[in-house]
């Protein structure tokens, strides 16, 4: 899923008045979390980035986000959750947060199943 696809999807499914720049910042926060919590402590796929640069208004709309299908629905739920919170719609926020938490759990479990943890330096040294 690209940056543009994520924003377009949520705008189509949940019409809102939140500025595009804010949505890009939220997507950047989520990919930052995915990179640092899930990817960095584990073996990276070939071609995967070894650093994460935050997204901004100048980020190309076709930038591919980190979570791959079928786990990329996490972006929709995260944006919906943030929109609900910004609009002070707490009942909707709670529902969106539950959907996001479920999507995060599915993504994390899948990533942990398919990517071995990095060995800490000196893990097998005996003194």
N, C-alpha and C. Protein backbone atom coordinates (compact mmCIF):
# COMPACT_ATOMS: atom_id res chain seq x y z
N UNK A 1 0.85 -1.17 0.00
CA UNK A 1 0.00 0.00 0.00
C UNK A 1 0.90 1.23 0.00
N UNK A 2 0.50 2.21 -0.76
CA UNK A 2 1.26 3.46 -0.80
C UNK A 2 0.66 4.48 0.15
N UNK A 3 1.42 5.54 0.35
CA UNK A 3 0.96 6.65 1.19
C UNK A 3 -0.37 7.18 0.65
N UNK A 4 -0.45 7.39 -0.65
CA UNK A 4 -1.65 7.92 -1.26
C UNK A 4 -2.83 6.96 -1.13
N UNK A 5 -2.59 5.67 -1.33
CA UNK A 5 -3.67 4.69 -1.22
C UNK A 5 -4.24 4.66 0.19
N UNK A 6 -3.39 4.74 1.19
CA UNK A 6 -3.85 4.72 2.58
C UNK A 6 -4.74 5.93 2.87
N UNK A 7 -4.30 7.10 2.43
CA UNK A 7 -5.07 8.32 2.68
C UNK A 7 -6.38 8.28 1.89
N UNK A 8 -6.32 7.87 0.64
CA UNK A 8 -7.52 7.80 -0.19
C UNK A 8 -8.54 6.82 0.40
N UNK A 9 -8.07 5.67 0.86
CA UNK A 9 -8.96 4.66 1.43
C UNK A 9 -9.72 5.21 2.63
N UNK A 10 -8.99 5.83 3.56
CA UNK A 10 -9.67 6.34 4.76
C UNK A 10 -10.58 7.51 4.43
N UNK A 11 -10.17 8.35 3.49
CA UNK A 11 -11.03 9.49 3.12
C UNK A 11 -12.31 9.01 2.45
N UNK A 12 -12.23 7.92 1.71
CA UNK A 12 -13.41 7.38 1.05
C UNK A 12 -14.34 6.69 2.06
N UNK A 13 -13.77 5.94 2.99
CA UNK A 13 -14.57 5.17 3.93
C UNK A 13 -15.02 5.98 5.15
N UNK A 14 -14.26 7.02 5.49
CA UNK A 14 -14.58 7.83 6.68
C UNK A 14 -14.35 9.30 6.31
N UNK A 15 -15.30 9.90 5.62
CA UNK A 15 -15.13 11.31 5.24
C UNK A 15 -14.77 12.15 6.47
N UNK A 16 -13.80 13.06 6.28
CA UNK A 16 -13.29 13.82 7.42
C UNK A 16 -12.72 15.13 6.94
N UNK A 17 -12.41 16.00 7.89
CA UNK A 17 -11.86 17.32 7.59
C UNK A 17 -10.39 17.45 8.02
N UNK A 18 -9.77 16.33 8.34
CA UNK A 18 -8.38 16.35 8.80
C UNK A 18 -7.47 16.66 7.60
N UNK A 19 -6.50 17.52 7.81
CA UNK A 19 -5.59 17.91 6.73
C UNK A 19 -4.70 16.74 6.33
N UNK A 20 -4.35 16.72 5.06
CA UNK A 20 -3.50 15.68 4.49
C UNK A 20 -2.16 15.60 5.23
N UNK A 21 -1.59 16.75 5.57
CA UNK A 21 -0.30 16.77 6.28
C UNK A 21 -0.39 16.02 7.60
N UNK A 22 -1.49 16.15 8.31
CA UNK A 22 -1.68 15.45 9.58
C UNK A 22 -1.75 13.95 9.35
N UNK A 23 -2.45 13.52 8.29
CA UNK A 23 -2.55 12.08 7.98
C UNK A 23 -1.19 11.51 7.61
N UNK A 24 -0.41 12.28 6.87
CA UNK A 24 0.95 11.82 6.53
C UNK A 24 1.77 11.67 7.80
N UNK A 25 1.65 12.62 8.72
CA UNK A 25 2.38 12.53 9.99
C UNK A 25 1.96 11.30 10.78
N UNK A 26 0.67 10.98 10.80
CA UNK A 26 0.20 9.79 11.50
C UNK A 26 0.74 8.52 10.85
N UNK A 27 0.74 8.47 9.52
CA UNK A 27 1.29 7.30 8.82
C UNK A 27 2.78 7.16 9.11
N UNK A 28 3.46 8.28 9.21
CA UNK A 28 4.87 8.26 9.55
C UNK A 28 5.08 7.70 10.96
N UNK A 29 4.23 8.11 11.91
CA UNK A 29 4.33 7.59 13.28
C UNK A 29 4.15 6.08 13.30
N UNK A 30 3.17 5.60 12.54
CA UNK A 30 2.91 4.16 12.54
C UNK A 30 4.06 3.40 11.89
N UNK A 31 4.56 3.87 10.75
CA UNK A 31 5.68 3.16 10.13
C UNK A 31 6.94 3.26 10.98
N UNK A 32 7.11 4.36 11.69
CA UNK A 32 8.24 4.46 12.64
C UNK A 32 8.12 3.36 13.69
N UNK A 33 6.93 3.17 14.21
CA UNK A 33 6.71 2.12 15.22
C UNK A 33 6.95 0.74 14.60
N UNK A 34 6.41 0.49 13.41
CA UNK A 34 6.61 -0.80 12.76
C UNK A 34 8.10 -1.06 12.56
N UNK A 35 8.82 -0.04 12.09
CA UNK A 35 10.25 -0.22 11.84
C UNK A 35 11.02 -0.51 13.12
N UNK A 36 10.82 0.31 14.15
CA UNK A 36 11.62 0.19 15.36
C UNK A 36 11.20 -0.94 16.28
N UNK A 37 9.93 -1.27 16.32
CA UNK A 37 9.45 -2.32 17.23
C UNK A 37 9.49 -3.70 16.57
N UNK A 38 9.10 -3.78 15.31
CA UNK A 38 9.03 -5.08 14.66
C UNK A 38 10.25 -5.40 13.80
N UNK A 39 10.64 -4.49 12.93
CA UNK A 39 11.65 -4.80 11.94
C UNK A 39 13.08 -4.75 12.47
N UNK A 40 13.44 -3.70 13.13
CA UNK A 40 14.82 -3.48 13.53
C UNK A 40 15.39 -4.58 14.43
N UNK A 41 14.61 -5.12 15.38
CA UNK A 41 15.17 -6.18 16.23
C UNK A 41 15.27 -7.55 15.54
N UNK A 42 14.81 -7.65 14.31
CA UNK A 42 14.79 -8.93 13.61
C UNK A 42 15.55 -8.83 12.30
N UNK A 43 15.82 -10.00 11.74
CA UNK A 43 16.50 -10.05 10.45
C UNK A 43 15.64 -9.35 9.40
N UNK A 44 16.26 -8.49 8.63
CA UNK A 44 15.51 -7.74 7.62
C UNK A 44 15.49 -8.51 6.30
N UNK A 45 14.40 -8.36 5.58
CA UNK A 45 14.31 -8.93 4.24
C UNK A 45 15.31 -8.25 3.32
N UNK A 46 15.71 -8.97 2.27
CA UNK A 46 16.55 -8.35 1.25
C UNK A 46 15.79 -7.17 0.66
N UNK A 47 16.45 -6.06 0.54
CA UNK A 47 15.80 -4.87 -0.02
C UNK A 47 15.05 -4.04 1.00
N UNK A 48 14.92 -4.53 2.22
CA UNK A 48 14.23 -3.75 3.26
C UNK A 48 15.13 -2.60 3.71
N UNK A 49 14.55 -1.48 4.08
CA UNK A 49 15.39 -0.36 4.52
C UNK A 49 16.08 -0.70 5.84
N UNK A 50 17.29 -0.16 6.02
CA UNK A 50 17.99 -0.38 7.29
C UNK A 50 17.87 0.84 8.20
N UNK A 51 17.19 1.88 7.71
CA UNK A 51 16.87 3.05 8.52
C UNK A 51 15.45 3.50 8.14
N UNK A 52 14.89 4.33 8.99
CA UNK A 52 13.57 4.88 8.68
C UNK A 52 13.66 6.40 8.69
N UNK A 53 13.21 7.00 7.61
CA UNK A 53 13.14 8.46 7.51
C UNK A 53 11.67 8.87 7.58
N UNK A 54 11.33 9.77 8.47
CA UNK A 54 9.93 10.18 8.61
C UNK A 54 9.36 10.73 7.31
N UNK A 55 8.07 10.55 7.14
CA UNK A 55 7.37 11.09 5.99
C UNK A 55 6.96 12.53 6.29
N UNK A 56 6.93 13.33 5.24
CA UNK A 56 6.49 14.71 5.36
C UNK A 56 5.68 15.09 4.15
N UNK A 57 5.31 16.35 4.05
CA UNK A 57 4.50 16.81 2.93
C UNK A 57 5.21 16.63 1.60
N UNK A 58 6.54 16.60 1.63
CA UNK A 58 7.29 16.43 0.40
C UNK A 58 7.53 14.97 0.03
N UNK A 59 7.07 14.04 0.87
CA UNK A 59 7.21 12.62 0.57
C UNK A 59 6.34 12.27 -0.63
N UNK A 60 6.91 11.52 -1.54
CA UNK A 60 6.18 11.17 -2.77
C UNK A 60 4.94 10.34 -2.42
N UNK A 61 3.80 10.63 -3.04
CA UNK A 61 2.56 9.90 -2.74
C UNK A 61 2.64 8.39 -3.02
N UNK A 62 3.55 7.99 -3.91
CA UNK A 62 3.69 6.57 -4.24
C UNK A 62 4.68 5.84 -3.34
N UNK A 63 5.09 6.48 -2.26
CA UNK A 63 5.97 5.82 -1.29
C UNK A 63 5.25 4.61 -0.73
N UNK A 64 5.92 3.46 -0.78
CA UNK A 64 5.33 2.21 -0.30
C UNK A 64 5.52 2.14 1.22
N UNK A 65 4.42 1.89 1.92
CA UNK A 65 4.45 1.79 3.38
C UNK A 65 5.01 0.43 3.79
N UNK A 66 5.41 0.29 5.04
CA UNK A 66 6.16 -0.89 5.48
C UNK A 66 5.34 -2.16 5.64
N UNK A 67 4.11 -2.07 6.11
CA UNK A 67 3.29 -3.27 6.32
C UNK A 67 2.74 -3.73 4.97
N UNK A 68 3.01 -4.97 4.65
CA UNK A 68 2.58 -5.53 3.36
C UNK A 68 1.24 -6.25 3.51
N UNK A 69 0.55 -6.41 2.37
CA UNK A 69 -0.72 -7.15 2.36
C UNK A 69 -0.46 -8.57 2.84
N UNK A 70 -1.34 -9.17 3.55
CA UNK A 70 -2.69 -8.73 3.88
C UNK A 70 -2.77 -7.91 5.17
N UNK A 71 -1.64 -7.47 5.69
CA UNK A 71 -1.61 -6.76 6.97
C UNK A 71 -1.65 -5.25 6.81
N UNK A 72 -1.76 -4.76 5.59
CA UNK A 72 -1.73 -3.32 5.36
C UNK A 72 -3.03 -2.61 5.74
N UNK A 73 -4.05 -3.35 6.12
CA UNK A 73 -5.27 -2.69 6.60
C UNK A 73 -5.02 -1.95 7.91
N UNK A 74 -3.88 -2.22 8.54
CA UNK A 74 -3.52 -1.52 9.76
C UNK A 74 -3.50 -0.01 9.55
N UNK A 75 -3.13 0.43 8.34
CA UNK A 75 -3.07 1.87 8.06
C UNK A 75 -4.45 2.50 8.10
N UNK A 76 -5.42 1.82 7.53
CA UNK A 76 -6.80 2.32 7.58
C UNK A 76 -7.26 2.46 9.02
N UNK A 77 -7.09 1.40 9.81
CA UNK A 77 -7.58 1.43 11.19
C UNK A 77 -6.84 2.47 12.04
N UNK A 78 -5.53 2.63 11.79
CA UNK A 78 -4.77 3.62 12.54
C UNK A 78 -5.25 5.03 12.22
N UNK A 79 -5.44 5.32 10.93
CA UNK A 79 -5.93 6.65 10.55
C UNK A 79 -7.34 6.89 11.09
N UNK A 80 -8.21 5.90 11.00
CA UNK A 80 -9.57 6.07 11.53
C UNK A 80 -9.53 6.33 13.03
N UNK A 81 -8.68 5.60 13.73
CA UNK A 81 -8.56 5.78 15.17
C UNK A 81 -8.10 7.21 15.50
N UNK A 82 -7.10 7.69 14.78
CA UNK A 82 -6.59 9.04 15.03
C UNK A 82 -7.63 10.11 14.68
N UNK A 83 -8.37 9.89 13.60
CA UNK A 83 -9.43 10.83 13.22
C UNK A 83 -10.50 10.89 14.30
N UNK A 84 -10.91 9.72 14.79
CA UNK A 84 -11.93 9.68 15.85
C UNK A 84 -11.44 10.40 17.11
N UNK A 85 -10.19 10.19 17.47
CA UNK A 85 -9.64 10.86 18.64
C UNK A 85 -9.59 12.37 18.44
N UNK A 86 -9.15 12.80 17.26
CA UNK A 86 -9.07 14.24 16.97
C UNK A 86 -10.45 14.89 17.00
N UNK A 87 -11.47 14.14 16.61
CA UNK A 87 -12.83 14.66 16.60
C UNK A 87 -13.56 14.47 17.93
N UNK A 88 -12.84 13.96 18.92
CA UNK A 88 -13.40 13.71 20.26
C UNK A 88 -14.61 12.77 20.22
N UNK A 89 -14.59 11.85 19.29
CA UNK A 89 -15.66 10.85 19.17
C UNK A 89 -15.18 9.57 19.85
N UNK A 90 -15.33 9.54 21.16
CA UNK A 90 -14.68 8.51 21.96
C UNK A 90 -15.25 7.11 21.76
N UNK A 91 -16.55 6.98 21.54
CA UNK A 91 -17.11 5.65 21.27
C UNK A 91 -16.56 5.11 19.95
N UNK A 92 -16.53 5.95 18.94
CA UNK A 92 -15.95 5.53 17.65
C UNK A 92 -14.45 5.25 17.82
N UNK A 93 -13.77 6.08 18.61
CA UNK A 93 -12.35 5.87 18.86
C UNK A 93 -12.10 4.50 19.48
N UNK A 94 -12.90 4.14 20.47
CA UNK A 94 -12.72 2.85 21.13
C UNK A 94 -12.88 1.70 20.15
N UNK A 95 -13.85 1.80 19.25
CA UNK A 95 -14.03 0.76 18.24
C UNK A 95 -12.86 0.73 17.27
N UNK A 96 -12.44 1.89 16.82
CA UNK A 96 -11.30 1.96 15.89
C UNK A 96 -10.02 1.47 16.56
N UNK A 97 -9.85 1.82 17.82
CA UNK A 97 -8.66 1.38 18.55
C UNK A 97 -8.62 -0.14 18.69
N UNK A 98 -9.77 -0.75 18.90
CA UNK A 98 -9.82 -2.22 18.99
C UNK A 98 -9.47 -2.85 17.64
N UNK A 99 -9.96 -2.27 16.56
CA UNK A 99 -9.61 -2.79 15.22
C UNK A 99 -8.12 -2.61 14.94
N UNK A 100 -7.57 -1.46 15.32
CA UNK A 100 -6.14 -1.22 15.15
C UNK A 100 -5.32 -2.20 15.99
N UNK A 101 -5.69 -2.39 17.23
CA UNK A 101 -4.95 -3.31 18.10
C UNK A 101 -4.96 -4.72 17.54
N UNK A 102 -6.08 -5.15 17.01
CA UNK A 102 -6.16 -6.47 16.39
C UNK A 102 -5.25 -6.55 15.16
N UNK A 103 -5.27 -5.51 14.33
CA UNK A 103 -4.42 -5.48 13.14
C UNK A 103 -2.95 -5.47 13.53
N UNK A 104 -2.59 -4.72 14.59
CA UNK A 104 -1.20 -4.70 15.06
C UNK A 104 -0.79 -6.10 15.51
N UNK A 105 -1.65 -6.75 16.27
CA UNK A 105 -1.33 -8.10 16.76
C UNK A 105 -1.13 -9.08 15.62
N UNK A 106 -1.97 -9.01 14.61
CA UNK A 106 -1.81 -9.91 13.45
C UNK A 106 -0.51 -9.63 12.72
N UNK A 107 -0.20 -8.36 12.51
CA UNK A 107 1.05 -7.99 11.85
C UNK A 107 2.25 -8.45 12.66
N UNK A 108 2.25 -8.19 13.94
CA UNK A 108 3.38 -8.57 14.80
C UNK A 108 3.58 -10.08 14.83
N UNK A 109 2.50 -10.83 14.99
CA UNK A 109 2.63 -12.29 15.01
C UNK A 109 3.18 -12.82 13.69
N UNK A 110 2.68 -12.30 12.59
CA UNK A 110 3.15 -12.74 11.28
C UNK A 110 4.63 -12.39 11.09
N UNK A 111 5.01 -11.20 11.50
CA UNK A 111 6.41 -10.78 11.34
C UNK A 111 7.33 -11.63 12.23
N UNK A 112 6.91 -11.92 13.43
CA UNK A 112 7.73 -12.73 14.32
C UNK A 112 7.84 -14.18 13.82
N UNK A 113 6.80 -14.68 13.18
CA UNK A 113 6.85 -16.04 12.63
C UNK A 113 7.83 -16.15 11.47
N UNK A 114 7.98 -15.08 10.73
CA UNK A 114 8.75 -15.17 9.48
C UNK A 114 10.11 -14.48 9.52
N UNK A 115 10.47 -13.85 10.63
CA UNK A 115 11.75 -13.15 10.74
C UNK A 115 12.41 -13.50 12.06
N UNK A 116 13.56 -14.10 11.97
CA UNK A 116 14.30 -14.51 13.17
C UNK A 116 14.85 -13.28 13.90
N UNK A 117 14.93 -13.37 15.22
CA UNK A 117 15.52 -12.25 15.97
C UNK A 117 17.01 -12.14 15.64
N UNK A 118 17.52 -10.92 15.68
CA UNK A 118 18.95 -10.72 15.53
C UNK A 118 19.64 -11.23 16.78
N UNK A 119 20.79 -11.84 16.60
CA UNK A 119 21.53 -12.32 17.77
C UNK A 119 22.26 -11.14 18.39
N UNK A 120 22.16 -11.02 19.70
CA UNK A 120 22.93 -9.95 20.35
C UNK A 120 24.41 -10.25 20.24
N UNK A 121 25.22 -9.22 20.17
CA UNK A 121 26.67 -9.40 20.08
C UNK A 121 27.16 -10.21 21.27
N UNK A 122 27.94 -11.22 20.99
CA UNK A 122 28.50 -12.04 22.05
C UNK A 122 27.52 -12.99 22.69
N UNK A 123 26.43 -13.30 22.03
CA UNK A 123 25.38 -14.14 22.63
C UNK A 123 25.89 -15.53 22.97
N UNK A 124 26.87 -16.02 22.21
CA UNK A 124 27.32 -17.38 22.44
C UNK A 124 28.72 -17.44 23.07
N UNK A 125 29.19 -16.33 23.55
CA UNK A 125 30.48 -16.32 24.22
C UNK A 125 30.32 -16.85 25.64
N UNK A 126 31.25 -17.71 26.02
CA UNK A 126 31.23 -18.23 27.39
C UNK A 126 32.54 -17.86 28.04
N UNK A 127 32.45 -17.45 29.26
CA UNK A 127 33.66 -17.06 30.00
C UNK A 127 33.92 -18.06 31.08
